[in-house]
Amino acid sequence: MTESEVRKLLRQMKELDSQTAFRDFYNMTYDRLFRIAYYYVKQEEWSQEIVLDIFLKLWKQRDTLLDVKNIEDYCFILVKNASLNYLEKESKYTTIHSDSLPEPQEQSYSPEESLISEELFAIYVKALDRLPERCREVFIRIREEKQSYAQVAEELDISIKTVDAQLQKAVTERDDSVKWMIKTANYPQRHVIKPVLFILTFICKKCVGSFCQSPVFISKQTY
């Protein structure tokens, strides 16, 4: 996903009320927004509900989205706030069985470290977003959905050798992108020790699970 591609779709949504452009925008950004929601709520069903609600809001705001300076950061904040609000609502009004919640984990992070972790997660998501489409798909299937090389090869109709090559390319480009974004983010030096290893460990603890694929494309209904 490039800035120019997103801007083109946003312009069509605004000027033409194009639902086709909106659907393309949805397909292009759903996985990223789902990851953000899942990071906070740890429930697939809740994450889907949150993200679909965000897309509804984005469609209603289509006349003003071109004025947003950084649409990636804007969507991140929208999903983050919606996720936190959802958790607050659930804690107040819903009785949840204890076995439906993630096991509590001891956290030794300070508030500052937690903030840094959240920012690094945002960087990680952006880095995945910048991968070529096939590389990203192979990476997600193997690293996050835990599919085998053979399964990915069969489902994508490519060779196992190609799967391995695409994965290695994805890892290299992701790490380069992460390093560059951390370098330009002006973090205090003590927070940038082995940044890629930290992010990978952090993502494994926080986010790896059964990341579901995008639901069936938004139906052709008028919002």
C-alpha atoms as a PDB file:
ATOM      1  CA  MET A   1       0.000   0.000   0.000  1.00  0.00           C
ATOM      2  CA  THR A   2       1.471   3.324  -1.050  1.00  0.00           C
ATOM      3  CA  GLU A   3       0.416   6.818  -0.094  1.00  0.00           C
ATOM      4  CA  SER A   4      -0.439   7.633  -3.717  1.00  0.00           C
ATOM      5  CA  GLU A   5      -2.649   4.537  -4.030  1.00  0.00           C
ATOM      6  CA  VAL A   6      -4.537   5.427  -0.876  1.00  0.00           C
ATOM      7  CA  ARG A   7      -4.934   9.060  -1.904  1.00  0.00           C
ATOM      8  CA  LYS A   8      -6.287   8.017  -5.285  1.00  0.00           C
ATOM      9  CA  LEU A   9      -8.950   5.853  -3.640  1.00  0.00           C
ATOM     10  CA  LEU A  10      -9.853   8.551  -1.121  1.00  0.00           C
ATOM     11  CA  ARG A  11     -10.253  11.060  -3.958  1.00  0.00           C
ATOM     12  CA  GLN A  12     -12.600   8.711  -5.822  1.00  0.00           C
ATOM     13  CA  MET A  13     -14.582   8.120  -2.636  1.00  0.00           C
ATOM     14  CA  LYS A  14     -14.960  11.858  -2.127  1.00  0.00           C
ATOM     15  CA  GLU A  15     -15.539  13.085  -5.666  1.00  0.00           C
ATOM     16  CA  LEU A  16     -17.439  10.130  -7.116  1.00  0.00           C
ATOM     17  CA  ASP A  17     -19.005   8.565  -4.021  1.00  0.00           C
ATOM     18  CA  SER A  18     -17.348   5.452  -5.388  1.00  0.00           C
ATOM     19  CA  GLN A  19     -18.231   2.314  -3.451  1.00  0.00           C
ATOM     20  CA  THR A  20     -15.812   0.416  -5.680  1.00  0.00           C
ATOM     21  CA  ALA A  21     -12.975   2.648  -4.470  1.00  0.00           C
ATOM     22  CA  PHE A  22     -14.163   2.170  -0.899  1.00  0.00           C
ATOM     23  CA  ARG A  23     -14.161  -1.593  -1.339  1.00  0.00           C
ATOM     24  CA  ASP A  24     -10.620  -1.431  -2.719  1.00  0.00           C
ATOM     25  CA  PHE A  25      -9.594   0.717   0.242  1.00  0.00           C
ATOM     26  CA  TYR A  26     -11.194  -1.840   2.561  1.00  0.00           C
ATOM     27  CA  ASN A  27      -9.388  -4.763   0.920  1.00  0.00           C
ATOM     28  CA  MET A  28      -6.109  -2.861   1.017  1.00  0.00           C
ATOM     29  CA  THR A  29      -6.237  -1.873   4.694  1.00  0.00           C
ATOM     30  CA  TYR A  30      -8.423  -4.419   6.507  1.00  0.00           C
ATOM     31  CA  ASP A  31      -5.624  -6.755   7.634  1.00  0.00           C
ATOM     32  CA  ARG A  32      -3.602  -3.894   9.082  1.00  0.00           C
ATOM     33  CA  LEU A  33      -6.533  -2.471  11.030  1.00  0.00           C
ATOM     34  CA  PHE A  34      -7.525  -5.921  12.245  1.00  0.00           C
ATOM     35  CA  ARG A  35      -4.034  -6.432  13.681  1.00  0.00           C
ATOM     36  CA  ILE A  36      -4.273  -3.162  15.566  1.00  0.00           C
ATOM     37  CA  ALA A  37      -7.658  -4.052  17.058  1.00  0.00           C
ATOM     38  CA  TYR A  38      -6.505  -7.566  17.946  1.00  0.00           C
ATOM     39  CA  TYR A  39      -3.448  -6.154  19.696  1.00  0.00           C
ATOM     40  CA  TYR A  40      -5.760  -4.409  22.160  1.00  0.00           C
ATOM     41  CA  VAL A  41      -8.786  -6.698  22.551  1.00  0.00           C
ATOM     42  CA  LYS A  42      -7.259 -10.164  21.902  1.00  0.00           C
ATOM     43  CA  GLN A  43     -10.552 -11.469  20.480  1.00  0.00           C
ATOM     44  CA  GLU A  44     -11.113 -12.109  16.763  1.00  0.00           C
ATOM     45  CA  GLU A  45     -14.863 -11.471  16.845  1.00  0.00           C
ATOM     46  CA  TRP A  46     -14.448  -8.217  18.728  1.00  0.00           C
ATOM     47  CA  SER A  47     -11.649  -7.132  16.406  1.00  0.00           C
ATOM     48  CA  GLN A  48     -13.802  -7.731  13.341  1.00  0.00           C
ATOM     49  CA  GLU A  49     -16.685  -5.785  14.855  1.00  0.00           C
ATOM     50  CA  ILE A  50     -14.444  -2.873  15.765  1.00  0.00           C
ATOM     51  CA  VAL A  51     -12.785  -2.690  12.360  1.00  0.00           C
ATOM     52  CA  LEU A  52     -16.017  -2.941  10.384  1.00  0.00           C
ATOM     53  CA  ASP A  53     -17.442  -0.134  12.500  1.00  0.00           C
ATOM     54  CA  ILE A  54     -14.353   1.951  11.713  1.00  0.00           C
ATOM     55  CA  PHE A  55     -14.845   1.394   7.993  1.00  0.00           C
ATOM     56  CA  LEU A  56     -18.444   2.541   8.302  1.00  0.00           C
ATOM     57  CA  LYS A  57     -17.219   5.730   9.981  1.00  0.00           C
ATOM     58  CA  LEU A  58     -14.570   6.224   7.311  1.00  0.00           C
ATOM     59  CA  TRP A  59     -17.202   5.959   4.585  1.00  0.00           C
ATOM     60  CA  LYS A  60     -19.306   8.581   6.349  1.00  0.00           C
ATOM     61  CA  GLN A  61     -16.198  10.794   6.625  1.00  0.00           C
ATOM     62  CA  ARG A  62     -15.167  10.315   2.985  1.00  0.00           C
ATOM     63  CA  ASP A  63     -15.609  14.017   2.161  1.00  0.00           C
ATOM     64  CA  THR A  64     -12.925  15.016   4.663  1.00  0.00           C
ATOM     65  CA  LEU A  65     -10.427  12.145   4.532  1.00  0.00           C
ATOM     66  CA  LEU A  66      -8.277  13.823   1.873  1.00  0.00           C
ATOM     67  CA  ASP A  67      -7.601  16.573   4.399  1.00  0.00           C
ATOM     68  CA  VAL A  68      -5.987  14.087   6.776  1.00  0.00           C
ATOM     69  CA  LYS A  69      -2.215  14.502   6.591  1.00  0.00           C
ATOM     70  CA  ASN A  70      -1.323  10.892   7.470  1.00  0.00           C
ATOM     71  CA  ILE A  71      -4.149   8.447   6.869  1.00  0.00           C
ATOM     72  CA  GLU A  72      -2.169   5.522   8.328  1.00  0.00           C
ATOM     73  CA  ASP A  73      -1.696   7.229  11.677  1.00  0.00           C
ATOM     74  CA  TYR A  74      -5.261   8.524  11.593  1.00  0.00           C
ATOM     75  CA  CYS A  75      -6.671   5.015  11.126  1.00  0.00           C
ATOM     76  CA  PHE A  76      -4.351   3.649  13.817  1.00  0.00           C
ATOM     77  CA  ILE A  77      -5.696   6.178  16.321  1.00  0.00           C
ATOM     78  CA  LEU A  78      -9.300   5.490  15.291  1.00  0.00           C
ATOM     79  CA  VAL A  79      -8.888   1.744  15.812  1.00  0.00           C
ATOM     80  CA  LYS A  80      -6.929   2.154  19.036  1.00  0.00           C
ATOM     81  CA  ASN A  81      -9.557   4.422  20.583  1.00  0.00           C
ATOM     82  CA  ALA A  82     -12.413   2.238  19.370  1.00  0.00           C
ATOM     83  CA  SER A  83     -10.711  -0.839  20.828  1.00  0.00           C
ATOM     84  CA  LEU A  84     -10.154   0.768  24.217  1.00  0.00           C
ATOM     85  CA  ASN A  85     -13.752   2.012  24.269  1.00  0.00           C
ATOM     86  CA  TYR A  86     -14.970  -1.463  23.360  1.00  0.00           C
ATOM     87  CA  LEU A  87     -13.007  -3.005  26.225  1.00  0.00           C
ATOM     88  CA  GLU A  88     -14.393  -0.439  28.640  1.00  0.00           C
ATOM     89  CA  LYS A  89     -17.939  -1.137  27.474  1.00  0.00           C
ATOM     90  CA  GLU A  90     -17.460  -4.887  27.799  1.00  0.00           C
ATOM     91  CA  SER A  91     -16.033  -4.569  31.289  1.00  0.00           C
ATOM     92  CA  LYS A  92     -18.997  -2.479  32.406  1.00  0.00           C
ATOM     93  CA  TYR A  93     -21.963  -4.145  30.777  1.00  0.00           C
ATOM     94  CA  THR A  94     -21.004  -7.702  29.870  1.00  0.00           C
ATOM     95  CA  THR A  95     -20.451 -10.675  32.118  1.00  0.00           C
ATOM     96  CA  ILE A  96     -17.632 -12.650  30.563  1.00  0.00           C
ATOM     97  CA  HIS A  97     -16.684 -16.160  31.601  1.00  0.00           C
ATOM     98  CA  SER A  98     -13.134 -16.276  32.840  1.00  0.00           C
ATOM     99  CA  ASP A  99     -12.207 -18.997  30.333  1.00  0.00           C
ATOM    100  CA  SER A 100     -13.030 -16.661  27.454  1.00  0.00           C
ATOM    101  CA  LEU A 101     -10.334 -14.228  28.494  1.00  0.00           C
ATOM    102  CA  PRO A 102      -6.616 -14.522  27.810  1.00  0.00           C
ATOM    103  CA  GLU A 103      -4.563 -15.855  30.690  1.00  0.00           C
ATOM    104  CA  PRO A 104      -3.278 -12.950  32.786  1.00  0.00           C
ATOM    105  CA  GLN A 105       0.408 -12.357  32.330  1.00  0.00           C
ATOM    106  CA  GLU A 106       2.784 -10.611  34.637  1.00  0.00           C
ATOM    107  CA  GLN A 107       3.984  -7.345  33.193  1.00  0.00           C
ATOM    108  CA  SER A 108       7.120  -5.607  34.321  1.00  0.00           C
ATOM    109  CA  TYR A 109       6.904  -2.751  31.844  1.00  0.00           C
ATOM    110  CA  SER A 110       6.905   0.808  33.097  1.00  0.00           C
ATOM    111  CA  PRO A 111       4.332   3.215  31.599  1.00  0.00           C
ATOM    112  CA  GLU A 112       7.093   4.649  29.417  1.00  0.00           C
ATOM    113  CA  GLU A 113       8.135   1.200  28.205  1.00  0.00           C
ATOM    114  CA  SER A 114       4.519   0.305  27.468  1.00  0.00           C
ATOM    115  CA  LEU A 115       4.191   3.441  25.348  1.00  0.00           C
ATOM    116  CA  ILE A 116       7.391   2.597  23.486  1.00  0.00           C
ATOM    117  CA  SER A 117       6.101  -0.944  22.916  1.00  0.00           C
ATOM    118  CA  GLU A 118       2.850   0.393  21.465  1.00  0.00           C
ATOM    119  CA  GLU A 119       4.736   2.722  19.141  1.00  0.00           C
ATOM    120  CA  LEU A 120       7.000  -0.112  18.029  1.00  0.00           C
ATOM    121  CA  PHE A 121       3.940  -2.225  17.315  1.00  0.00           C
ATOM    122  CA  ALA A 122       2.622   0.558  15.079  1.00  0.00           C
ATOM    123  CA  ILE A 123       5.967   0.578  13.283  1.00  0.00           C
ATOM    124  CA  TYR A 124       5.832  -3.195  12.848  1.00  0.00           C
ATOM    125  CA  VAL A 125       2.361  -2.982  11.295  1.00  0.00           C
ATOM    126  CA  LYS A 126       3.528  -0.260   8.916  1.00  0.00           C
ATOM    127  CA  ALA A 127       6.542  -2.354   7.969  1.00  0.00           C
ATOM    128  CA  LEU A 128       4.304  -5.277   7.032  1.00  0.00           C
ATOM    129  CA  ASP A 129       2.123  -2.902   5.053  1.00  0.00           C
ATOM    130  CA  ARG A 130       5.074  -1.862   2.920  1.00  0.00           C
ATOM    131  CA  LEU A 131       5.956  -5.392   1.833  1.00  0.00           C
ATOM    132  CA  PRO A 132       5.101  -6.466  -1.722  1.00  0.00           C
ATOM    133  CA  GLU A 133       1.704  -8.184  -1.733  1.00  0.00           C
ATOM    134  CA  ARG A 134       2.967 -11.731  -2.353  1.00  0.00           C
ATOM    135  CA  CYS A 135       5.772 -11.400   0.211  1.00  0.00           C
ATOM    136  CA  ARG A 136       3.326 -10.116   2.803  1.00  0.00           C
ATOM    137  CA  GLU A 137       0.880 -12.930   2.131  1.00  0.00           C
ATOM    138  CA  VAL A 138       3.563 -15.605   2.447  1.00  0.00           C
ATOM    139  CA  PHE A 139       4.959 -14.000   5.611  1.00  0.00           C
ATOM    140  CA  ILE A 140       1.543 -13.797   7.293  1.00  0.00           C
ATOM    141  CA  ARG A 141       0.591 -17.354   6.365  1.00  0.00           C
ATOM    142  CA  ILE A 142       3.841 -18.846   7.690  1.00  0.00           C
ATOM    143  CA  ARG A 143       4.809 -16.592  10.591  1.00  0.00           C
ATOM    144  CA  GLU A 144       1.388 -15.643  11.953  1.00  0.00           C
ATOM    145  CA  GLU A 145      -1.026 -18.324  10.794  1.00  0.00           C
ATOM    146  CA  LYS A 146       1.592 -21.050  11.264  1.00  0.00           C
ATOM    147  CA  GLN A 147       0.918 -22.722   7.906  1.00  0.00           C
ATOM    148  CA  SER A 148       3.522 -25.105   6.538  1.00  0.00           C
ATOM    149  CA  TYR A 149       5.627 -24.319   3.482  1.00  0.00           C
ATOM    150  CA  ALA A 150       3.871 -27.127   1.618  1.00  0.00           C
ATOM    151  CA  GLN A 151       0.414 -25.808   2.500  1.00  0.00           C
ATOM    152  CA  VAL A 152       1.285 -22.276   1.414  1.00  0.00           C
ATOM    153  CA  ALA A 153       2.812 -23.557  -1.815  1.00  0.00           C
ATOM    154  CA  GLU A 154      -0.297 -25.577  -2.625  1.00  0.00           C
ATOM    155  CA  GLU A 155      -2.791 -22.821  -1.792  1.00  0.00           C
ATOM    156  CA  LEU A 156      -0.876 -20.134  -3.706  1.00  0.00           C
ATOM    157  CA  ASP A 157       0.047 -22.505  -6.552  1.00  0.00           C
ATOM    158  CA  ILE A 158       3.770 -21.828  -6.267  1.00  0.00           C
ATOM    159  CA  SER A 159       6.774 -24.021  -5.477  1.00  0.00           C
ATOM    160  CA  ILE A 160       8.142 -24.553  -1.984  1.00  0.00           C
ATOM    161  CA  LYS A 161      11.378 -22.955  -3.198  1.00  0.00           C
ATOM    162  CA  THR A 162       9.417 -19.850  -4.190  1.00  0.00           C
ATOM    163  CA  VAL A 163       7.685 -19.801  -0.801  1.00  0.00           C
ATOM    164  CA  ASP A 164      11.063 -19.836   0.933  1.00  0.00           C
ATOM    165  CA  ALA A 165      12.436 -17.114  -1.343  1.00  0.00           C
ATOM    166  CA  GLN A 166       9.377 -14.905  -0.771  1.00  0.00           C
ATOM    167  CA  LEU A 167       9.588 -15.409   2.995  1.00  0.00           C
ATOM    168  CA  GLN A 168      13.274 -14.521   3.120  1.00  0.00           C
ATOM    169  CA  LYS A 169      12.623 -11.442   0.993  1.00  0.00           C
ATOM    170  CA  ALA A 170       9.751 -10.434   3.281  1.00  0.00           C
ATOM    171  CA  VAL A 171      11.874 -10.836   6.419  1.00  0.00           C
ATOM    172  CA  THR A 172      14.750  -8.820   4.949  1.00  0.00           C
ATOM    173  CA  GLU A 173      12.548  -5.998   3.680  1.00  0.00           C
ATOM    174  CA  ARG A 174      10.514  -5.939   6.883  1.00  0.00           C
ATOM    175  CA  ASP A 175      13.618  -5.691   9.060  1.00  0.00           C
ATOM    176  CA  ASP A 176      15.113  -2.958   6.877  1.00  0.00           C
ATOM    177  CA  SER A 177      11.858  -1.022   7.037  1.00  0.00           C
ATOM    178  CA  VAL A 178      11.578  -1.426  10.814  1.00  0.00           C
ATOM    179  CA  LYS A 179      15.174  -0.325  11.362  1.00  0.00           C
ATOM    180  CA  TRP A 180      14.701   2.729   9.172  1.00  0.00           C
ATOM    181  CA  MET A 181      11.467   3.779  10.884  1.00  0.00           C
ATOM    182  CA  ILE A 182      12.964   3.328  14.348  1.00  0.00           C
ATOM    183  CA  LYS A 183      16.044   5.299  13.321  1.00  0.00           C
ATOM    184  CA  THR A 184      13.911   8.196  12.087  1.00  0.00           C
ATOM    185  CA  ALA A 185      11.555   8.109  15.091  1.00  0.00           C
ATOM    186  CA  ASN A 186      14.147   9.662  17.421  1.00  0.00           C
ATOM    187  CA  TYR A 187      13.706   7.144  20.237  1.00  0.00           C
ATOM    188  CA  PRO A 188      16.117   7.470  23.173  1.00  0.00           C
ATOM    189  CA  GLN A 189      19.109   5.241  22.428  1.00  0.00           C
ATOM    190  CA  ARG A 190      18.423   2.866  25.312  1.00  0.00           C
ATOM    191  CA  HIS A 191      15.118   1.899  23.681  1.00  0.00           C
ATOM    192  CA  VAL A 192      16.710   0.973  20.371  1.00  0.00           C
ATOM    193  CA  ILE A 193      18.937  -1.900  21.535  1.00  0.00           C
ATOM    194  CA  LYS A 194      18.367  -4.818  19.169  1.00  0.00           C
ATOM    195  CA  PRO A 195      15.121  -3.217  17.925  1.00  0.00           C
ATOM    196  CA  VAL A 196      14.154  -5.931  15.478  1.00  0.00           C
ATOM    197  CA  LEU A 197      14.594  -8.732  18.035  1.00  0.00           C
ATOM    198  CA  PHE A 198      12.563  -6.750  20.542  1.00  0.00           C
ATOM    199  CA  ILE A 199       9.754  -6.215  18.083  1.00  0.00           C
ATOM    200  CA  LEU A 200       9.673  -9.843  17.010  1.00  0.00           C
ATOM    201  CA  THR A 201       9.534 -11.000  20.650  1.00  0.00           C
ATOM    202  CA  PHE A 202       6.892  -8.412  21.424  1.00  0.00           C
ATOM    203  CA  ILE A 203       4.735  -9.373  18.463  1.00  0.00           C
ATOM    204  CA  CYS A 204       4.992 -13.067  19.294  1.00  0.00           C
ATOM    205  CA  LYS A 205       3.795 -12.440  22.845  1.00  0.00           C
ATOM    206  CA  LYS A 206       1.101  -9.929  22.036  1.00  0.00           C
ATOM    207  CA  CYS A 207      -0.238 -10.592  18.607  1.00  0.00           C
ATOM    208  CA  VAL A 208       0.492 -14.018  17.174  1.00  0.00           C
ATOM    209  CA  GLY A 209      -2.553 -16.170  17.167  1.00  0.00           C
ATOM    210  CA  SER A 210      -5.152 -17.109  14.673  1.00  0.00           C
ATOM    211  CA  PHE A 211      -5.222 -13.856  12.764  1.00  0.00           C
ATOM    212  CA  CYS A 212      -8.252 -14.408  10.616  1.00  0.00           C
ATOM    213  CA  GLN A 213      -8.360 -13.366   7.033  1.00  0.00           C
ATOM    214  CA  SER A 214     -10.533 -10.529   5.928  1.00  0.00           C
ATOM    215  CA  PRO A 215     -14.197 -11.464   6.017  1.00  0.00           C
ATOM    216  CA  VAL A 216     -15.992 -11.679   2.723  1.00  0.00           C
ATOM    217  CA  PHE A 217     -15.641  -8.354   0.962  1.00  0.00           C
ATOM    218  CA  ILE A 218     -18.089  -5.724   2.034  1.00  0.00           C
ATOM    219  CA  SER A 219     -21.390  -6.445   0.388  1.00  0.00           C
ATOM    220  CA  LYS A 220     -22.626  -4.070  -2.250  1.00  0.00           C
ATOM    221  CA  GLN A 221     -24.874  -2.108   0.010  1.00  0.00           C
ATOM    222  CA  THR A 222     -25.272   1.610   0.384  1.00  0.00           C
ATOM    223  CA  TYR A 223     -23.939   3.036   3.621  1.00  0.00           C
END
